[in-house]
Amino acid sequence: MDKSLTSTSKFLSLLLRHQPEAVGLALDASGWADVTDLIARCNQHGHPLTMASLEEIVATNEKKRFAFNADKSKIRASQGHSIEIDLQLTPQVPPAILYHGTATRFVASIKAQGLLAGSRQHVHLSANLETASKVGQRHGKPIVLEVRAGEMHHAGMAFYQSENGVWLTEHVPVEFIKF
């Protein structure tokens, strides 16, 4: 993805996950935004966007952060919202082990509290080490934690999988984490 599309993708993340009000954008209860309105508001606020560039961002975003509805009239972020959104995900049976990438500076806090969603709606977990490691690198010196998701599920904790394959849960208690 070229630099201008990367910049636009980051702006879309801001709007569709955290601050739609920054440009006066309305999201419905499930996080969907009208594509025509999104394009117009991005252009009005100095972020040039066309349907073609939006389609390219959705298609080429490595993390598959965004998804269109069936007729491409609406778009939403796949997960990672800090605003209250109902993604209408159904509980899933997770793999026995999932991974969480973070920075070593957060380990003491995680050992005390487990993994918390923080400002987001869910804790994000990966099905593979490589993805978790990349996530951890964004926050400093990385560490990958192993989460015994199968045991959590059997203990009654819910798991969901977003459209882009990220596993989501509300909290990971310390006893289910291998450091």
N, C-alpha and C. Protein backbone atom coordinates (compact mmCIF):
# COMPACT_ATOMS: atom_id res chain seq x y z
N MET A 1 0.85 -1.17 0.00
CA MET A 1 0.00 0.00 0.00
C MET A 1 0.90 1.23 0.00
N ASP A 2 0.60 2.18 -0.90
CA ASP A 2 1.45 3.38 -0.95
C ASP A 2 1.17 4.30 0.25
N LYS A 3 2.06 5.30 0.41
CA LYS A 3 2.02 6.16 1.59
C LYS A 3 0.68 6.88 1.78
N SER A 4 0.11 7.40 0.68
CA SER A 4 -1.14 8.15 0.83
C SER A 4 -2.28 7.22 1.23
N LEU A 5 -2.28 6.00 0.69
CA LEU A 5 -3.32 5.04 1.10
C LEU A 5 -3.13 4.60 2.54
N THR A 6 -1.88 4.45 2.97
CA THR A 6 -1.61 4.09 4.36
C THR A 6 -2.11 5.19 5.29
N SER A 7 -1.85 6.43 4.94
CA SER A 7 -2.33 7.55 5.73
C SER A 7 -3.85 7.57 5.78
N THR A 8 -4.49 7.35 4.66
CA THR A 8 -5.95 7.32 4.60
C THR A 8 -6.49 6.15 5.41
N SER A 9 -5.83 5.01 5.36
CA SER A 9 -6.25 3.84 6.13
C SER A 9 -6.21 4.14 7.63
N LYS A 10 -5.17 4.83 8.06
CA LYS A 10 -5.06 5.20 9.48
C LYS A 10 -6.18 6.17 9.87
N PHE A 11 -6.49 7.09 8.98
CA PHE A 11 -7.58 8.03 9.23
C PHE A 11 -8.92 7.28 9.31
N LEU A 12 -9.11 6.31 8.43
CA LEU A 12 -10.33 5.50 8.47
C LEU A 12 -10.42 4.72 9.78
N SER A 13 -9.30 4.21 10.27
CA SER A 13 -9.29 3.52 11.57
C SER A 13 -9.75 4.45 12.67
N LEU A 14 -9.26 5.67 12.65
CA LEU A 14 -9.68 6.66 13.64
C LEU A 14 -11.19 6.86 13.58
N LEU A 15 -11.72 7.05 12.38
CA LEU A 15 -13.14 7.33 12.22
C LEU A 15 -14.03 6.13 12.53
N LEU A 16 -13.67 4.97 12.00
CA LEU A 16 -14.55 3.80 12.09
C LEU A 16 -14.38 3.01 13.38
N ARG A 17 -13.31 3.29 14.15
CA ARG A 17 -13.08 2.55 15.40
C ARG A 17 -13.18 3.42 16.65
N HIS A 18 -12.88 4.72 16.50
CA HIS A 18 -12.72 5.53 17.70
C HIS A 18 -13.48 6.86 17.71
N GLN A 19 -13.40 7.64 16.64
CA GLN A 19 -13.94 9.01 16.67
C GLN A 19 -14.69 9.39 15.40
N PRO A 20 -15.81 8.75 15.12
CA PRO A 20 -16.56 9.14 13.92
C PRO A 20 -17.01 10.60 13.97
N GLU A 21 -17.20 11.11 15.18
CA GLU A 21 -17.66 12.49 15.34
C GLU A 21 -16.61 13.51 14.87
N ALA A 22 -15.36 13.08 14.70
CA ALA A 22 -14.30 14.00 14.26
C ALA A 22 -14.64 14.64 12.91
N VAL A 23 -15.43 13.94 12.09
CA VAL A 23 -15.86 14.50 10.81
C VAL A 23 -17.39 14.54 10.70
N GLY A 24 -18.07 14.29 11.81
CA GLY A 24 -19.54 14.30 11.81
C GLY A 24 -20.15 13.05 11.19
N LEU A 25 -19.40 11.97 11.20
CA LEU A 25 -19.86 10.70 10.61
C LEU A 25 -20.75 9.96 11.61
N ALA A 26 -21.80 9.35 11.10
CA ALA A 26 -22.69 8.55 11.95
C ALA A 26 -22.45 7.07 11.67
N LEU A 27 -22.28 6.30 12.75
CA LEU A 27 -22.21 4.84 12.65
C LEU A 27 -23.49 4.28 13.22
N ASP A 28 -23.99 3.20 12.63
CA ASP A 28 -25.16 2.57 13.23
C ASP A 28 -24.73 1.72 14.41
N ALA A 29 -25.66 1.06 15.06
CA ALA A 29 -25.37 0.29 16.28
C ALA A 29 -24.36 -0.83 16.04
N SER A 30 -24.24 -1.28 14.80
CA SER A 30 -23.30 -2.35 14.45
C SER A 30 -22.00 -1.83 13.86
N GLY A 31 -21.83 -0.52 13.89
CA GLY A 31 -20.58 0.07 13.43
C GLY A 31 -20.51 0.39 11.95
N TRP A 32 -21.60 0.23 11.22
CA TRP A 32 -21.59 0.49 9.78
C TRP A 32 -21.74 1.98 9.50
N ALA A 33 -20.97 2.46 8.54
CA ALA A 33 -21.06 3.84 8.05
C ALA A 33 -21.48 3.80 6.58
N ASP A 34 -22.26 4.76 6.17
CA ASP A 34 -22.65 4.89 4.77
C ASP A 34 -21.41 5.29 3.97
N VAL A 35 -21.10 4.54 2.92
CA VAL A 35 -19.88 4.77 2.14
C VAL A 35 -19.89 6.14 1.46
N THR A 36 -21.01 6.53 0.87
CA THR A 36 -21.10 7.82 0.20
C THR A 36 -20.84 8.97 1.19
N ASP A 37 -21.43 8.86 2.37
CA ASP A 37 -21.23 9.88 3.40
C ASP A 37 -19.78 9.89 3.87
N LEU A 38 -19.19 8.71 4.10
CA LEU A 38 -17.79 8.61 4.52
C LEU A 38 -16.87 9.28 3.51
N ILE A 39 -17.05 8.98 2.23
CA ILE A 39 -16.20 9.57 1.19
C ILE A 39 -16.34 11.08 1.19
N ALA A 40 -17.57 11.58 1.25
CA ALA A 40 -17.80 13.03 1.24
C ALA A 40 -17.15 13.70 2.44
N ARG A 41 -17.31 13.12 3.62
CA ARG A 41 -16.77 13.73 4.84
C ARG A 41 -15.23 13.68 4.87
N CYS A 42 -14.65 12.59 4.37
CA CYS A 42 -13.18 12.53 4.29
C CYS A 42 -12.66 13.63 3.37
N ASN A 43 -13.29 13.79 2.22
CA ASN A 43 -12.87 14.82 1.27
C ASN A 43 -13.05 16.22 1.85
N GLN A 44 -14.14 16.44 2.58
CA GLN A 44 -14.38 17.75 3.20
C GLN A 44 -13.33 18.08 4.27
N HIS A 45 -12.73 17.04 4.86
CA HIS A 45 -11.78 17.24 5.94
C HIS A 45 -10.33 17.01 5.52
N GLY A 46 -10.05 17.17 4.23
CA GLY A 46 -8.67 17.14 3.75
C GLY A 46 -8.05 15.77 3.59
N HIS A 47 -8.88 14.74 3.53
CA HIS A 47 -8.39 13.38 3.32
C HIS A 47 -9.02 12.84 2.04
N PRO A 48 -8.38 13.09 0.89
CA PRO A 48 -8.96 12.69 -0.39
C PRO A 48 -9.30 11.19 -0.42
N LEU A 49 -10.53 10.88 -0.81
CA LEU A 49 -10.99 9.50 -0.85
C LEU A 49 -11.98 9.33 -1.99
N THR A 50 -11.80 8.25 -2.73
CA THR A 50 -12.74 7.87 -3.79
C THR A 50 -13.20 6.45 -3.52
N MET A 51 -14.22 6.03 -4.22
CA MET A 51 -14.67 4.65 -4.05
C MET A 51 -13.55 3.68 -4.46
N ALA A 52 -12.83 4.01 -5.51
CA ALA A 52 -11.74 3.13 -5.97
C ALA A 52 -10.64 3.02 -4.91
N SER A 53 -10.26 4.15 -4.30
CA SER A 53 -9.21 4.07 -3.28
C SER A 53 -9.71 3.36 -2.03
N LEU A 54 -10.98 3.54 -1.69
CA LEU A 54 -11.56 2.85 -0.54
C LEU A 54 -11.57 1.33 -0.78
N GLU A 55 -11.95 0.93 -1.98
CA GLU A 55 -11.94 -0.49 -2.32
C GLU A 55 -10.52 -1.06 -2.25
N GLU A 56 -9.53 -0.28 -2.69
CA GLU A 56 -8.14 -0.73 -2.63
C GLU A 56 -7.68 -0.88 -1.18
N ILE A 57 -8.04 0.05 -0.33
CA ILE A 57 -7.67 -0.03 1.08
C ILE A 57 -8.27 -1.28 1.72
N VAL A 58 -9.53 -1.53 1.47
CA VAL A 58 -10.20 -2.71 2.05
C VAL A 58 -9.54 -3.99 1.53
N ALA A 59 -9.26 -4.03 0.24
CA ALA A 59 -8.70 -5.24 -0.38
C ALA A 59 -7.25 -5.51 0.00
N THR A 60 -6.47 -4.45 0.21
CA THR A 60 -5.03 -4.64 0.40
C THR A 60 -4.55 -4.46 1.83
N ASN A 61 -5.42 -4.05 2.73
CA ASN A 61 -5.01 -3.86 4.12
C ASN A 61 -4.58 -5.20 4.69
N GLU A 62 -3.32 -5.29 5.08
CA GLU A 62 -2.73 -6.53 5.56
C GLU A 62 -3.52 -7.15 6.71
N LYS A 63 -4.05 -6.31 7.58
CA LYS A 63 -4.76 -6.80 8.75
C LYS A 63 -6.26 -6.95 8.52
N LYS A 64 -6.70 -6.63 7.30
CA LYS A 64 -8.13 -6.73 6.96
C LYS A 64 -8.98 -5.99 7.99
N ARG A 65 -8.58 -4.76 8.28
CA ARG A 65 -9.24 -3.97 9.32
C ARG A 65 -10.67 -3.57 8.97
N PHE A 66 -10.99 -3.52 7.68
CA PHE A 66 -12.28 -3.01 7.25
C PHE A 66 -13.02 -4.03 6.41
N ALA A 67 -14.36 -3.91 6.42
CA ALA A 67 -15.19 -4.80 5.61
C ALA A 67 -16.36 -4.00 5.05
N PHE A 68 -16.72 -4.31 3.82
CA PHE A 68 -17.92 -3.77 3.20
C PHE A 68 -19.09 -4.70 3.48
N ASN A 69 -20.31 -4.16 3.40
CA ASN A 69 -21.48 -5.04 3.37
C ASN A 69 -21.58 -5.61 1.96
N ALA A 70 -22.59 -6.42 1.70
CA ALA A 70 -22.69 -7.16 0.44
C ALA A 70 -22.69 -6.26 -0.80
N ASP A 71 -23.38 -5.12 -0.76
CA ASP A 71 -23.45 -4.27 -1.94
C ASP A 71 -22.48 -3.07 -1.90
N LYS A 72 -21.59 -3.08 -0.93
CA LYS A 72 -20.56 -2.04 -0.77
C LYS A 72 -21.14 -0.66 -0.51
N SER A 73 -22.36 -0.61 0.01
CA SER A 73 -22.95 0.68 0.35
C SER A 73 -22.58 1.11 1.76
N LYS A 74 -22.07 0.16 2.56
CA LYS A 74 -21.67 0.44 3.94
C LYS A 74 -20.31 -0.19 4.20
N ILE A 75 -19.61 0.37 5.18
CA ILE A 75 -18.28 -0.12 5.58
C ILE A 75 -18.18 -0.01 7.10
N ARG A 76 -17.39 -0.91 7.69
CA ARG A 76 -17.11 -0.81 9.12
C ARG A 76 -15.74 -1.40 9.41
N ALA A 77 -15.24 -1.08 10.59
CA ALA A 77 -14.01 -1.69 11.08
C ALA A 77 -14.36 -3.09 11.58
N SER A 78 -13.46 -4.04 11.37
CA SER A 78 -13.73 -5.43 11.74
C SER A 78 -13.68 -5.66 13.25
N GLN A 79 -12.84 -4.91 13.95
CA GLN A 79 -12.75 -4.98 15.41
C GLN A 79 -11.85 -3.85 15.88
N GLY A 80 -11.65 -3.75 17.19
CA GLY A 80 -10.74 -2.75 17.73
C GLY A 80 -11.40 -1.45 18.13
N HIS A 81 -12.71 -1.46 18.25
CA HIS A 81 -13.44 -0.24 18.60
C HIS A 81 -13.22 0.17 20.05
N SER A 82 -13.09 1.46 20.26
CA SER A 82 -13.10 2.00 21.62
C SER A 82 -14.46 2.61 21.92
N ILE A 83 -15.31 2.67 20.92
CA ILE A 83 -16.68 3.14 21.11
C ILE A 83 -17.60 1.92 21.15
N GLU A 84 -18.74 2.08 21.78
CA GLU A 84 -19.67 0.95 21.95
C GLU A 84 -20.30 0.58 20.61
N ILE A 85 -19.95 -0.61 20.13
CA ILE A 85 -20.44 -1.14 18.86
C ILE A 85 -20.82 -2.60 19.09
N ASP A 86 -21.93 -3.02 18.50
CA ASP A 86 -22.32 -4.42 18.54
C ASP A 86 -22.00 -5.03 17.18
N LEU A 87 -20.89 -5.75 17.10
CA LEU A 87 -20.47 -6.37 15.84
C LEU A 87 -21.32 -7.59 15.50
N GLN A 88 -22.25 -7.93 16.36
CA GLN A 88 -23.16 -9.06 16.16
C GLN A 88 -22.39 -10.36 15.92
N LEU A 89 -21.35 -10.54 16.73
CA LEU A 89 -20.55 -11.75 16.64
C LEU A 89 -21.19 -12.83 17.49
N THR A 90 -21.11 -14.06 17.03
CA THR A 90 -21.65 -15.17 17.82
C THR A 90 -20.49 -15.88 18.51
N PRO A 91 -20.74 -16.37 19.72
CA PRO A 91 -19.67 -17.07 20.43
C PRO A 91 -19.14 -18.25 19.61
N GLN A 92 -17.82 -18.44 19.69
CA GLN A 92 -17.14 -19.50 18.95
C GLN A 92 -16.30 -20.34 19.92
N VAL A 93 -16.03 -21.56 19.53
CA VAL A 93 -15.10 -22.39 20.30
C VAL A 93 -13.70 -22.06 19.80
N PRO A 94 -12.84 -21.54 20.68
CA PRO A 94 -11.51 -21.13 20.24
C PRO A 94 -10.57 -22.34 20.15
N PRO A 95 -9.43 -22.14 19.50
CA PRO A 95 -8.38 -23.16 19.56
C PRO A 95 -7.92 -23.32 21.01
N ALA A 96 -7.27 -24.40 21.31
CA ALA A 96 -6.78 -24.64 22.68
C ALA A 96 -5.84 -23.53 23.13
N ILE A 97 -5.00 -23.05 22.22
CA ILE A 97 -4.01 -22.01 22.55
C ILE A 97 -4.17 -20.84 21.59
N LEU A 98 -4.18 -19.64 22.15
CA LEU A 98 -4.12 -18.42 21.37
C LEU A 98 -2.96 -17.59 21.91
N TYR A 99 -2.58 -16.54 21.20
CA TYR A 99 -1.42 -15.74 21.57
C TYR A 99 -1.78 -14.26 21.66
N HIS A 100 -1.06 -13.57 22.53
CA HIS A 100 -1.23 -12.13 22.68
C HIS A 100 0.14 -11.47 22.65
N GLY A 101 0.34 -10.57 21.70
CA GLY A 101 1.60 -9.84 21.61
C GLY A 101 1.49 -8.52 22.33
N THR A 102 2.48 -8.21 23.11
CA THR A 102 2.51 -6.95 23.85
C THR A 102 3.96 -6.56 24.06
N ALA A 103 4.18 -5.50 24.83
CA ALA A 103 5.54 -5.06 25.13
C ALA A 103 5.93 -5.55 26.52
N THR A 104 7.21 -5.81 26.70
CA THR A 104 7.71 -6.31 27.98
C THR A 104 7.38 -5.37 29.13
N ARG A 105 7.28 -4.07 28.85
CA ARG A 105 6.99 -3.12 29.94
C ARG A 105 5.60 -3.31 30.55
N PHE A 106 4.72 -4.08 29.89
CA PHE A 106 3.38 -4.31 30.41
C PHE A 106 3.26 -5.62 31.20
N VAL A 107 4.31 -6.41 31.26
CA VAL A 107 4.24 -7.73 31.87
C VAL A 107 3.84 -7.68 33.35
N ALA A 108 4.41 -6.77 34.11
CA ALA A 108 4.08 -6.69 35.54
C ALA A 108 2.59 -6.43 35.75
N SER A 109 2.05 -5.53 34.99
CA SER A 109 0.63 -5.21 35.08
C SER A 109 -0.23 -6.41 34.68
N ILE A 110 0.17 -7.10 33.62
CA ILE A 110 -0.58 -8.27 33.16
C ILE A 110 -0.51 -9.39 34.20
N LYS A 111 0.66 -9.56 34.84
CA LYS A 111 0.78 -10.57 35.89
C LYS A 111 -0.14 -10.25 37.08
N ALA A 112 -0.41 -8.99 37.30
CA ALA A 112 -1.27 -8.58 38.41
C ALA A 112 -2.76 -8.63 38.06
N GLN A 113 -3.12 -8.28 36.81
CA GLN A 113 -4.52 -8.12 36.44
C GLN A 113 -5.01 -9.03 35.33
N GLY A 114 -4.10 -9.71 34.67
CA GLY A 114 -4.49 -10.46 33.47
C GLY A 114 -4.52 -9.51 32.29
N LEU A 115 -5.06 -9.97 31.18
CA LEU A 115 -5.19 -9.12 29.99
C LEU A 115 -6.54 -8.44 30.02
N LEU A 116 -6.50 -7.11 29.99
CA LEU A 116 -7.71 -6.30 30.03
C LEU A 116 -7.95 -5.65 28.68
N ALA A 117 -9.19 -5.38 28.37
CA ALA A 117 -9.53 -4.73 27.10
C ALA A 117 -9.07 -3.28 27.07
N GLY A 118 -8.89 -2.68 28.22
CA GLY A 118 -8.48 -1.28 28.26
C GLY A 118 -9.55 -0.39 27.65
N SER A 119 -9.17 0.45 26.71
CA SER A 119 -10.12 1.36 26.08
C SER A 119 -10.92 0.70 24.98
N ARG A 120 -10.58 -0.53 24.64
CA ARG A 120 -11.31 -1.24 23.59
C ARG A 120 -12.38 -2.12 24.19
N GLN A 121 -13.20 -2.70 23.34
CA GLN A 121 -14.29 -3.55 23.81
C GLN A 121 -13.81 -4.96 24.16
N HIS A 122 -12.72 -5.40 23.56
CA HIS A 122 -12.25 -6.77 23.75
C HIS A 122 -10.73 -6.84 23.81
N VAL A 123 -10.23 -7.91 24.41
CA VAL A 123 -8.82 -8.28 24.32
C VAL A 123 -8.66 -8.97 22.97
N HIS A 124 -7.61 -8.63 22.25
CA HIS A 124 -7.35 -9.21 20.93
C HIS A 124 -6.32 -10.33 21.05
N LEU A 125 -6.64 -11.47 20.46
CA LEU A 125 -5.76 -12.63 20.49
C LEU A 125 -5.54 -13.14 19.07
N SER A 126 -4.38 -13.75 18.85
CA SER A 126 -4.01 -14.27 17.54
C SER A 126 -3.91 -15.78 17.57
N ALA A 127 -4.19 -16.38 16.45
CA ALA A 127 -4.09 -17.84 16.35
C ALA A 127 -2.66 -18.29 16.07
N ASN A 128 -1.77 -17.34 15.74
CA ASN A 128 -0.39 -17.74 15.45
C ASN A 128 0.62 -16.79 16.10
N LEU A 129 1.80 -17.35 16.33
CA LEU A 129 2.88 -16.60 16.98
C LEU A 129 3.36 -15.41 16.16
N GLU A 130 3.44 -15.58 14.85
CA GLU A 130 3.97 -14.53 13.99
C GLU A 130 3.14 -13.25 14.09
N THR A 131 1.83 -13.39 14.02
CA THR A 131 0.96 -12.23 14.12
C THR A 131 1.08 -11.58 15.48
N ALA A 132 1.07 -12.38 16.54
CA ALA A 132 1.19 -11.85 17.90
C ALA A 132 2.51 -11.12 18.08
N SER A 133 3.57 -11.64 17.50
CA SER A 133 4.88 -11.01 17.61
C SER A 133 4.88 -9.64 16.92
N LYS A 134 4.26 -9.56 15.74
CA LYS A 134 4.17 -8.28 15.02
C LYS A 134 3.40 -7.26 15.84
N VAL A 135 2.32 -7.70 16.47
CA VAL A 135 1.53 -6.80 17.30
C VAL A 135 2.38 -6.30 18.47
N GLY A 136 3.09 -7.19 19.12
CA GLY A 136 3.93 -6.82 20.25
C GLY A 136 5.00 -5.81 19.89
N GLN A 137 5.55 -5.91 18.69
CA GLN A 137 6.61 -5.01 18.24
C GLN A 137 6.13 -3.57 18.11
N ARG A 138 4.82 -3.38 17.91
CA ARG A 138 4.29 -2.02 17.77
C ARG A 138 4.33 -1.26 19.09
N HIS A 139 4.47 -1.97 20.20
CA HIS A 139 4.36 -1.35 21.51
C HIS A 139 5.69 -1.24 22.25
N GLY A 140 6.78 -1.69 21.65
CA GLY A 140 8.09 -1.67 22.30
C GLY A 140 8.76 -3.02 22.16
N LYS A 141 9.63 -3.35 23.10
CA LYS A 141 10.30 -4.65 23.07
C LYS A 141 9.22 -5.73 23.24
N PRO A 142 9.06 -6.60 22.22
CA PRO A 142 7.91 -7.51 22.23
C PRO A 142 8.08 -8.74 23.12
N ILE A 143 6.93 -9.20 23.58
CA ILE A 143 6.83 -10.49 24.24
C ILE A 143 5.50 -11.09 23.77
N VAL A 144 5.51 -12.39 23.58
CA VAL A 144 4.28 -13.08 23.18
C VAL A 144 3.84 -13.96 24.33
N LEU A 145 2.61 -13.76 24.75
CA LEU A 145 2.02 -14.54 25.84
C LEU A 145 1.15 -15.63 25.25
N GLU A 146 1.20 -16.78 25.88
CA GLU A 146 0.37 -17.91 25.45
C GLU A 146 -0.89 -17.93 26.32
N VAL A 147 -2.04 -17.97 25.68
CA VAL A 147 -3.32 -17.96 26.39
C VAL A 147 -3.99 -19.33 26.21
N ARG A 148 -4.32 -19.95 27.33
CA ARG A 148 -5.00 -21.25 27.29
C ARG A 148 -6.49 -21.02 27.06
N ALA A 149 -6.81 -20.70 25.81
CA ALA A 149 -8.17 -20.31 25.43
C ALA A 149 -9.15 -21.47 25.58
N GLY A 150 -8.72 -22.67 25.28
CA GLY A 150 -9.59 -23.83 25.42
C GLY A 150 -10.05 -24.01 26.86
N GLU A 151 -9.13 -23.85 27.79
CA GLU A 151 -9.47 -23.96 29.21
C GLU A 151 -10.40 -22.81 29.63
N MET A 152 -10.14 -21.62 29.12
CA MET A 152 -11.01 -20.48 29.43
C MET A 152 -12.43 -20.76 28.94
N HIS A 153 -12.52 -21.27 27.72
CA HIS A 153 -13.83 -21.57 27.13
C HIS A 153 -14.56 -22.61 27.99
N HIS A 154 -13.86 -23.64 28.41
CA HIS A 154 -14.48 -24.67 29.25
C HIS A 154 -14.89 -24.12 30.62
N ALA A 155 -14.24 -23.04 31.04
CA ALA A 155 -14.59 -22.39 32.31
C ALA A 155 -15.76 -21.41 32.14
N GLY A 156 -16.27 -21.31 30.92
CA GLY A 156 -17.46 -20.50 30.68
C GLY A 156 -17.22 -19.12 30.10
N MET A 157 -16.00 -18.82 29.71
CA MET A 157 -15.71 -17.50 29.14
C MET A 157 -15.94 -17.51 27.63
N ALA A 158 -16.56 -16.45 27.14
CA ALA A 158 -16.95 -16.37 25.74
C ALA A 158 -15.80 -15.88 24.86
N PHE A 159 -15.74 -16.44 23.66
CA PHE A 159 -14.79 -16.03 22.63
C PHE A 159 -15.56 -15.75 21.36
N TYR A 160 -15.04 -14.79 20.60
CA TYR A 160 -15.64 -14.43 19.31
C TYR A 160 -14.50 -14.33 18.30
N GLN A 161 -14.84 -14.48 17.03
CA GLN A 161 -13.83 -14.28 16.00
C GLN A 161 -14.36 -13.23 15.03
N SER A 162 -13.58 -12.17 14.86
CA SER A 162 -13.98 -11.08 13.98
C SER A 162 -13.85 -11.51 12.52
N GLU A 163 -14.39 -10.69 11.64
CA GLU A 163 -14.37 -10.99 10.21
C GLU A 163 -12.96 -11.19 9.67
N ASN A 164 -11.97 -10.56 10.31
CA ASN A 164 -10.61 -10.67 9.81
C ASN A 164 -9.78 -11.72 10.58
N GLY A 165 -10.46 -12.56 11.36
CA GLY A 165 -9.78 -13.68 12.00
C GLY A 165 -9.21 -13.43 13.37
N VAL A 166 -9.33 -12.21 13.90
CA VAL A 166 -8.83 -11.91 15.23
C VAL A 166 -9.78 -12.51 16.26
N TRP A 167 -9.20 -13.17 17.26
CA TRP A 167 -10.01 -13.74 18.35
C TRP A 167 -10.21 -12.68 19.41
N LEU A 168 -11.42 -12.60 19.95
CA LEU A 168 -11.79 -11.57 20.91
C LEU A 168 -12.40 -12.19 22.15
N THR A 169 -12.07 -11.62 23.30
CA THR A 169 -12.68 -12.01 24.56
C THR A 169 -12.65 -10.78 25.47
N GLU A 170 -13.47 -10.78 26.50
CA GLU A 170 -13.57 -9.60 27.35
C GLU A 170 -12.38 -9.42 28.28
N HIS A 171 -11.79 -10.53 28.76
CA HIS A 171 -10.72 -10.46 29.75
C HIS A 171 -10.03 -11.81 29.77
N VAL A 172 -8.74 -11.81 30.00
CA VAL A 172 -8.00 -13.07 30.18
C VAL A 172 -7.40 -13.05 31.59
N PRO A 173 -7.98 -13.86 32.49
CA PRO A 173 -7.43 -13.93 33.85
C PRO A 173 -6.00 -14.48 33.85
N VAL A 174 -5.21 -14.06 34.81
CA VAL A 174 -3.80 -14.43 34.91
C VAL A 174 -3.60 -15.95 34.86
N GLU A 175 -4.48 -16.70 35.50
CA GLU A 175 -4.27 -18.15 35.59
C GLU A 175 -4.33 -18.85 34.23
N PHE A 176 -4.77 -18.15 33.19
CA PHE A 176 -4.84 -18.74 31.85
C PHE A 176 -3.71 -18.27 30.95
N ILE A 177 -2.74 -17.55 31.50
CA ILE A 177 -1.64 -16.97 30.70
C ILE A 177 -0.33 -17.65 31.05
N LYS A 178 0.40 -18.05 30.02
CA LYS A 178 1.75 -18.57 30.19
C LYS A 178 2.71 -17.46 29.79
N PHE A 179 3.55 -17.03 30.73
CA PHE A 179 4.48 -15.94 30.48
C PHE A 179 5.81 -16.46 29.98
